[in-house]
Amino acid sequence: MIIPFNKLAPLYEKHKNEYDAAAIEALESGWYILGDKLSSFEGQFADYIGTAHCVGLNSGLDALILALRALGVDAGDEVIVQANTYIATVLGITENGGTPVFVEPDEYHGLNPAKLADAITDKTKAIIAVHLYGQPCDMEPIVEIAGKHGIPLVEDCAQSHGATWKSQKTGTFGTIGCFSFFPTKNLGAFGDAGAIVTDDQEIAEKVRALRNYGSKRKYYNDICGVNSRLDEIQAALLSVRLKYLKETLDERATIADYYLNNIDPSAVTLPSIRSDASHVWHLFVVENDKRDELQQHLSERGIQTQIHYPVPPHLSGAYKNLGFKSGDFPITERLASSVLSLPLYNGMTKDEMDSVCRAVNEFGGMKR
């Protein structure tokens, strides 16, 4: 039996008729950009998250870039971010000419408030908190530190659709929340898509202009913008996905609970859930000092896995100009060499879950 790391088709097949009907309706409308489908989804998603505004964009990366641009991040400005994030978070900074200031994560892989305050300088223009793997950061002290210094807080919610900290959804703590709707996300489109959410009307209007060549009125360009619009077909399909998001998250939580209860904690370090947080299990990430051997062991048994992420941004070729070297962020680098994401997808069968648990436990027994 081959167990893939992910399967996208089951979620489509489960509500196929609704997806097909939504796509056909959008096609038959004859209006494919900045129309009623987008406006409808933006309103629905803003209501779901609990913000006043949502602005649909082309991707999660564009959400990060345009969020920081709307905040005025420019050359010479510093933006604080956890070092163990995906490179897209950092690209959002550097695409605006800003300088990333990396800090080590806490034990839950989120932005560490204890490291945050020390990283703030008079050049700090923004702080980005990344809700990695589907679990919220420790938001209370992060919000307090940002507020004390008057620094805008941006949330990277690319992996945390529906996750909560003390019953409040991610994306609502900072000035701007950035979302990706890449197909593998818990709220995934059928292509590239993203959005920002905010309670600030001025920021929402600025991002709407930025996504459309800097124009609020056709052919009248007030600022330098880009082309980053969430199209009508994807918006229509996302409205269907959003309708069933709770169902999607509940099933993923069931699979994660099965892993937590059936994988031997002596075989791998299982993910910990932060007190007062709800985890939406975009990824189920374990740790093992012999990660590469574990991955090979699972592969030999037909179980596909992925590493999120093998090379931290500060050591990537893309940012060699920043001058970092191995050992500069030891916690982040240890995680890069020890984390492994196990298969977790909607439609996963009990036999598949059992096979994963059995194979991981077998590896643990071999290494003892």
Protein backbone atom coordinates (compact mmCIF):
# COMPACT_ATOMS: atom_id res chain seq x y z
CA MET A 1 0.00 0.00 0.00
CA ILE A 2 1.32 3.42 -1.01
CA ILE A 3 0.31 6.21 1.37
CA PRO A 4 0.81 9.61 -0.29
CA PHE A 5 1.80 12.63 1.74
CA ASN A 6 -1.31 14.43 0.57
CA LYS A 7 -4.42 13.89 -1.54
CA LEU A 8 -6.45 16.80 -2.87
CA ALA A 9 -9.09 14.99 -4.94
CA PRO A 10 -11.23 13.62 -2.05
CA LEU A 11 -12.28 17.09 -0.90
CA TYR A 12 -13.33 17.99 -4.44
CA GLU A 13 -15.15 14.70 -4.96
CA LYS A 14 -17.06 15.02 -1.69
CA HIS A 15 -18.89 18.14 -2.91
CA LYS A 16 -18.22 17.80 -6.65
CA ASN A 17 -21.65 18.95 -7.78
CA GLU A 18 -21.39 22.21 -5.84
CA TYR A 19 -17.89 22.96 -7.10
CA ASP A 20 -18.87 22.22 -10.69
CA ALA A 21 -21.99 24.37 -10.42
CA ALA A 22 -20.06 27.28 -8.88
CA ALA A 23 -17.41 27.18 -11.62
CA ILE A 24 -19.99 26.98 -14.42
CA GLU A 25 -22.01 29.83 -12.93
CA ALA A 26 -18.88 31.98 -12.85
CA LEU A 27 -18.00 31.04 -16.42
CA GLU A 28 -21.49 31.70 -17.69
CA SER A 29 -21.59 35.11 -16.01
CA GLY A 30 -19.18 36.50 -18.59
CA TRP A 31 -17.40 38.54 -15.87
CA TYR A 32 -14.12 37.03 -14.71
CA ILE A 33 -12.16 39.70 -12.79
CA LEU A 34 -13.23 41.92 -9.85
CA GLY A 35 -16.88 40.90 -9.97
CA ASP A 36 -19.69 39.73 -7.72
CA LYS A 37 -18.11 36.34 -6.92
CA LEU A 38 -15.04 38.00 -5.48
CA SER A 39 -17.04 40.55 -3.51
CA SER A 40 -19.20 37.78 -2.11
CA PHE A 41 -16.25 35.63 -1.03
CA GLU A 42 -14.45 38.62 0.50
CA GLY A 43 -17.51 39.36 2.62
CA GLN A 44 -17.93 35.72 3.63
CA PHE A 45 -14.28 35.31 4.61
CA ALA A 46 -14.18 38.58 6.54
CA ASP A 47 -17.26 37.45 8.47
CA TYR A 48 -15.69 34.04 9.14
CA ILE A 49 -12.41 35.48 10.40
CA GLY A 50 -14.07 38.34 12.27
CA THR A 51 -12.64 41.39 10.51
CA ALA A 52 -14.24 44.34 8.77
CA HIS A 53 -12.44 43.84 5.47
CA CYS A 54 -11.02 41.12 3.23
CA VAL A 55 -9.15 41.82 0.00
CA GLY A 56 -8.69 38.90 -2.39
CA LEU A 57 -5.27 38.59 -4.04
CA ASN A 58 -3.36 36.36 -6.40
CA SER A 59 -1.39 34.45 -3.73
CA GLY A 60 -0.30 34.27 -0.13
CA LEU A 61 3.06 35.73 -1.10
CA ASP A 62 1.35 38.72 -2.68
CA ALA A 63 -0.66 39.12 0.50
CA LEU A 64 2.57 39.45 2.49
CA ILE A 65 4.21 41.77 -0.05
CA LEU A 66 1.23 44.09 -0.36
CA ALA A 67 0.50 44.07 3.38
CA LEU A 68 3.99 45.34 4.14
CA ARG A 69 3.83 47.77 1.22
CA ALA A 70 0.59 49.18 2.57
CA LEU A 71 2.36 49.70 5.90
CA GLY A 72 5.12 51.64 4.16
CA VAL A 73 7.97 49.14 4.50
CA ASP A 74 10.81 50.37 2.32
CA ALA A 75 14.58 50.23 1.89
CA GLY A 76 16.37 50.51 5.22
CA ASP A 77 13.39 49.35 7.26
CA GLU A 78 13.64 46.27 9.48
CA VAL A 79 10.93 43.66 9.88
CA ILE A 80 11.19 41.07 12.67
CA VAL A 81 10.25 37.48 11.80
CA GLN A 82 10.92 34.03 13.22
CA ALA A 83 13.88 32.31 11.57
CA ASN A 84 12.13 28.95 11.04
CA THR A 85 9.44 30.20 8.69
CA TYR A 86 8.95 29.38 5.01
CA ILE A 87 10.89 31.66 2.68
CA ALA A 88 7.71 33.34 1.39
CA THR A 89 7.41 35.26 4.67
CA VAL A 90 10.90 36.66 4.19
CA LEU A 91 10.30 37.42 0.51
CA GLY A 92 7.41 39.61 1.60
CA ILE A 93 9.98 41.75 3.41
CA THR A 94 12.77 41.83 0.86
CA GLU A 95 10.46 42.43 -2.11
CA ASN A 96 9.74 45.78 -0.46
CA GLY A 97 13.43 46.51 0.09
CA GLY A 98 13.20 45.78 3.81
CA THR A 99 15.69 43.87 5.93
CA PRO A 100 14.56 40.72 7.76
CA VAL A 101 15.57 40.54 11.41
CA PHE A 102 15.39 36.90 12.44
CA VAL A 103 14.59 35.61 15.92
CA GLU A 104 14.49 32.05 17.21
CA PRO A 105 11.14 30.26 17.66
CA ASP A 106 9.64 29.07 20.93
CA GLU A 107 9.00 25.42 21.82
CA TYR A 108 5.82 25.42 19.72
CA HIS A 109 7.67 26.63 16.60
CA GLY A 110 6.07 30.08 16.79
CA LEU A 111 7.48 33.59 17.22
CA ASN A 112 9.13 33.72 20.65
CA PRO A 113 7.97 36.80 22.60
CA ALA A 114 11.03 36.52 24.84
CA LYS A 115 13.27 37.11 21.80
CA LEU A 116 11.03 39.70 20.18
CA ALA A 117 11.58 42.69 22.47
CA ASP A 118 15.37 42.44 22.21
CA ALA A 119 15.20 42.52 18.40
CA ILE A 120 13.36 45.85 18.20
CA THR A 121 15.37 48.87 17.07
CA ASP A 122 14.53 52.35 15.87
CA LYS A 123 14.50 50.89 12.34
CA THR A 124 11.80 48.30 13.10
CA LYS A 125 8.86 48.97 10.77
CA ALA A 126 6.79 45.83 11.39
CA ILE A 127 6.63 42.49 13.19
CA ILE A 128 5.46 39.29 11.49
CA ALA A 129 4.06 36.43 13.58
CA VAL A 130 3.86 33.16 11.62
CA HIS A 131 1.25 30.66 12.79
CA LEU A 132 3.29 27.72 11.59
CA TYR A 133 1.81 24.29 10.80
CA GLY A 134 -1.67 25.42 11.89
CA GLN A 135 -0.96 26.47 15.49
CA PRO A 136 -1.25 30.09 16.71
CA CYS A 137 1.72 31.93 18.15
CA ASP A 138 1.68 33.14 21.76
CA MET A 139 -0.34 36.19 20.78
CA GLU A 140 -1.00 37.97 24.07
CA PRO A 141 2.61 39.03 24.79
CA ILE A 142 3.33 39.57 21.09
CA VAL A 143 0.41 41.99 20.78
CA GLU A 144 1.48 43.70 24.01
CA ILE A 145 5.07 44.20 22.82
CA ALA A 146 3.98 45.48 19.41
CA GLY A 147 1.51 47.89 20.99
CA LYS A 148 4.00 49.15 23.56
CA HIS A 149 6.43 50.14 20.80
CA GLY A 150 3.76 51.30 18.35
CA ILE A 151 4.87 48.80 15.71
CA PRO A 152 2.34 47.29 13.28
CA LEU A 153 1.83 43.53 13.69
CA VAL A 154 1.30 41.37 10.61
CA GLU A 155 0.08 37.79 10.95
CA ASP A 156 1.17 35.17 8.43
CA CYS A 157 -1.89 32.90 8.51
CA ALA A 158 -1.00 30.86 5.42
CA GLN A 159 -1.29 27.66 7.47
CA SER A 160 -3.79 28.65 10.16
CA HIS A 161 -7.24 29.12 8.61
CA GLY A 162 -9.69 28.83 11.49
CA ALA A 163 -7.09 28.42 14.25
CA THR A 164 -7.78 30.31 17.46
CA TRP A 165 -5.90 31.76 20.43
CA LYS A 166 -8.20 32.11 23.43
CA SER A 167 -11.19 31.64 21.08
CA GLN A 168 -10.08 34.50 18.80
CA LYS A 169 -9.20 33.58 15.23
CA THR A 170 -5.74 34.14 13.80
CA GLY A 171 -5.69 37.11 11.47
CA THR A 172 -7.54 39.36 13.93
CA PHE A 173 -4.77 40.18 16.41
CA GLY A 174 -2.58 42.38 14.26
CA THR A 175 -3.04 45.26 11.86
CA ILE A 176 -3.19 42.86 8.91
CA GLY A 177 -3.67 39.11 8.53
CA CYS A 178 -2.25 37.42 5.41
CA PHE A 179 -3.75 34.21 4.03
CA SER A 180 -2.76 31.78 1.31
CA PHE A 181 -5.38 29.67 -0.46
CA PHE A 182 -2.85 27.47 -2.24
CA PRO A 183 -4.54 24.14 -3.09
CA THR A 184 -2.85 22.23 -0.24
CA LYS A 185 -4.08 24.64 2.45
CA ASN A 186 -7.00 23.70 4.69
CA LEU A 187 -8.97 26.34 2.79
CA GLY A 188 -7.49 25.72 -0.63
CA ALA A 189 -8.40 27.07 -4.04
CA PHE A 190 -7.96 25.16 -7.30
CA GLY A 191 -4.95 27.28 -8.23
CA ASP A 192 -3.03 30.17 -6.71
CA ALA A 193 -5.03 32.53 -4.49
CA GLY A 194 -4.63 34.60 -1.34
CA ALA A 195 -6.07 37.48 0.69
CA ILE A 196 -5.44 39.99 3.43
CA VAL A 197 -7.89 40.77 6.24
CA THR A 198 -7.96 43.92 8.34
CA ASP A 199 -10.17 46.20 10.40
CA ASP A 200 -8.41 49.26 8.99
CA GLN A 201 -10.44 50.70 6.11
CA GLU A 202 -7.56 52.83 4.85
CA ILE A 203 -5.27 49.81 4.59
CA ALA A 204 -7.99 47.76 2.87
CA GLU A 205 -8.53 50.50 0.30
CA LYS A 206 -4.80 50.83 -0.28
CA VAL A 207 -4.38 47.09 -0.86
CA ARG A 208 -7.38 47.10 -3.23
CA ALA A 209 -5.63 49.78 -5.23
CA LEU A 210 -2.24 48.07 -5.05
CA ARG A 211 -3.66 44.79 -6.39
CA ASN A 212 -5.12 46.60 -9.42
CA TYR A 213 -2.18 48.57 -10.85
CA GLY A 214 -2.55 51.23 -8.15
CA SER A 215 -5.97 52.17 -9.46
CA LYS A 216 -9.24 52.76 -7.63
CA ARG A 217 -10.89 53.95 -10.84
CA LYS A 218 -10.11 52.36 -14.19
CA TYR A 219 -7.21 54.04 -16.01
CA TYR A 220 -6.65 56.49 -13.14
CA ASN A 221 -3.56 55.27 -11.29
CA ASP A 222 -2.89 57.02 -8.02
CA ILE A 223 0.03 54.87 -6.85
CA CYS A 224 2.40 52.30 -8.33
CA GLY A 225 0.64 48.96 -8.00
CA VAL A 226 0.77 45.43 -9.36
CA ASN A 227 -1.57 42.89 -10.93
CA SER A 228 -2.66 40.65 -8.05
CA ARG A 229 -6.38 39.95 -8.26
CA LEU A 230 -8.22 36.88 -7.01
CA ASP A 231 -10.26 35.85 -10.05
CA GLU A 232 -14.00 35.16 -10.12
CA ILE A 233 -13.77 31.39 -10.68
CA GLN A 234 -11.39 30.84 -7.75
CA ALA A 235 -13.51 33.11 -5.55
CA ALA A 236 -16.64 31.11 -6.41
CA LEU A 237 -14.88 27.83 -5.64
CA LEU A 238 -13.49 29.21 -2.37
CA SER A 239 -17.01 30.17 -1.28
CA VAL A 240 -17.93 26.48 -1.53
CA ARG A 241 -14.76 25.45 0.31
CA LEU A 242 -15.45 27.94 3.09
CA LYS A 243 -18.93 26.52 3.54
CA TYR A 244 -17.37 23.18 4.49
CA LEU A 245 -14.25 24.41 6.30
CA LYS A 246 -15.43 23.30 9.75
CA GLU A 247 -16.09 19.82 8.37
CA THR A 248 -12.59 19.82 6.84
CA LEU A 249 -10.93 20.93 10.08
CA ASP A 250 -12.89 18.47 12.23
CA GLU A 251 -11.72 15.55 10.10
CA ARG A 252 -8.10 16.71 10.22
CA ALA A 253 -8.34 17.01 14.02
CA THR A 254 -9.61 13.43 14.20
CA ILE A 255 -6.62 12.17 12.21
CA ALA A 256 -4.19 14.22 14.33
CA ASP A 257 -5.75 12.85 17.53
CA TYR A 258 -5.34 9.32 16.21
CA TYR A 259 -1.64 9.96 15.61
CA LEU A 260 -1.20 11.56 19.02
CA ASN A 261 -2.83 8.58 20.73
CA ASN A 262 -1.20 5.80 18.69
CA ILE A 263 2.33 6.94 17.90
CA ASP A 264 4.79 6.00 20.62
CA PRO A 265 6.24 9.26 22.02
CA SER A 266 9.56 7.48 22.54
CA ALA A 267 9.81 6.94 18.77
CA VAL A 268 9.50 10.62 17.82
CA THR A 269 8.83 13.93 19.49
CA LEU A 270 5.15 14.54 18.90
CA PRO A 271 3.75 18.05 18.33
CA SER A 272 2.71 19.92 21.47
CA ILE A 273 -0.41 22.07 21.54
CA ARG A 274 -0.12 25.46 23.16
CA SER A 275 -2.45 26.08 26.10
CA ASP A 276 -5.46 28.21 25.08
CA ALA A 277 -4.79 27.52 21.38
CA SER A 278 -6.68 25.47 18.82
CA HIS A 279 -4.51 23.70 16.23
CA VAL A 280 -6.00 23.20 12.75
CA TRP A 281 -3.38 20.65 11.63
CA HIS A 282 -2.31 21.99 8.28
CA LEU A 283 0.70 19.77 8.96
CA PHE A 284 1.46 17.04 11.50
CA VAL A 285 5.15 17.60 12.26
CA VAL A 286 7.24 15.26 14.38
CA GLU A 287 10.88 15.54 15.36
CA ASN A 288 13.66 12.96 15.43
CA ASP A 289 17.43 13.38 15.58
CA LYS A 290 17.68 10.62 12.97
CA ARG A 291 15.13 12.27 10.73
CA ASP A 292 16.67 11.22 7.43
CA GLU A 293 16.79 7.57 8.56
CA LEU A 294 13.17 7.81 9.68
CA GLN A 295 12.12 9.27 6.35
CA GLN A 296 13.93 6.49 4.49
CA HIS A 297 12.36 3.86 6.78
CA LEU A 298 8.89 5.19 6.04
CA SER A 299 9.60 5.48 2.31
CA GLU A 300 10.62 1.83 2.17
CA ARG A 301 7.18 1.00 3.59
CA GLY A 302 5.37 3.07 0.98
CA ILE A 303 4.75 6.09 3.24
CA GLN A 304 5.50 9.47 1.71
CA THR A 305 6.62 12.34 3.93
CA GLN A 306 7.90 15.89 3.50
CA ILE A 307 10.31 18.16 5.35
CA HIS A 308 9.02 21.62 6.32
CA TYR A 309 11.65 23.08 5.89
CA PRO A 310 15.10 21.59 5.19
CA VAL A 311 16.93 24.92 4.66
CA PRO A 312 16.10 27.93 6.86
CA PRO A 313 15.85 31.22 4.94
CA HIS A 314 18.96 32.67 6.60
CA LEU A 315 21.07 29.82 5.16
CA SER A 316 19.42 29.75 1.74
CA GLY A 317 21.22 30.80 -1.40
CA ALA A 318 18.59 33.48 -1.88
CA TYR A 319 19.82 35.34 1.22
CA LYS A 320 23.53 34.65 1.22
CA ASN A 321 23.97 38.41 0.81
CA LEU A 322 22.77 38.87 4.40
CA GLY A 323 25.95 37.18 5.62
CA PHE A 324 24.52 34.60 7.99
CA LYS A 325 26.38 31.39 8.69
CA SER A 326 25.60 27.99 10.13
CA GLY A 327 25.23 28.25 13.90
CA ASP A 328 23.74 31.75 13.94
CA PHE A 329 20.28 30.39 14.82
CA PRO A 330 20.89 26.98 16.43
CA ILE A 331 17.28 26.24 17.42
CA THR A 332 16.04 26.92 13.91
CA GLU A 333 18.87 24.90 12.38
CA ARG A 334 18.23 21.97 14.72
CA LEU A 335 14.59 21.96 13.68
CA ALA A 336 15.55 22.05 10.00
CA SER A 337 17.55 18.86 10.51
CA SER A 338 15.00 17.03 12.68
CA VAL A 339 11.41 17.88 11.62
CA LEU A 340 9.36 15.53 9.44
CA SER A 341 5.76 15.97 8.29
CA LEU A 342 3.67 12.80 8.28
CA PRO A 343 0.78 12.17 5.84
CA LEU A 344 -2.41 13.93 6.90
CA TYR A 345 -5.21 14.55 4.40
CA ASN A 346 -8.96 14.58 4.28
CA GLY A 347 -10.24 11.18 3.25
CA MET A 348 -7.43 9.30 4.99
CA THR A 349 -8.55 5.80 6.02
CA LYS A 350 -8.01 4.07 9.35
CA ASP A 351 -5.84 1.46 7.61
CA GLU A 352 -3.62 4.25 6.29
CA MET A 353 -3.38 5.89 9.71
CA ASP A 354 -2.59 2.53 11.32
CA SER A 355 0.16 1.88 8.77
CA VAL A 356 1.80 5.23 9.52
CA CYS A 357 1.65 4.71 13.28
CA ARG A 358 2.94 1.16 13.03
CA ALA A 359 5.87 2.16 10.80
CA VAL A 360 6.89 5.09 13.04
CA ASN A 361 6.68 2.89 16.15
CA GLU A 362 8.70 0.19 14.42
CA PHE A 363 11.44 2.70 13.72
CA GLY A 364 11.43 3.72 17.37
CA GLY A 365 11.83 0.09 18.45
CA MET A 366 14.73 -0.43 16.05
CA LYS A 367 16.59 2.58 17.45
CA ARG A 368 16.23 1.66 21.11
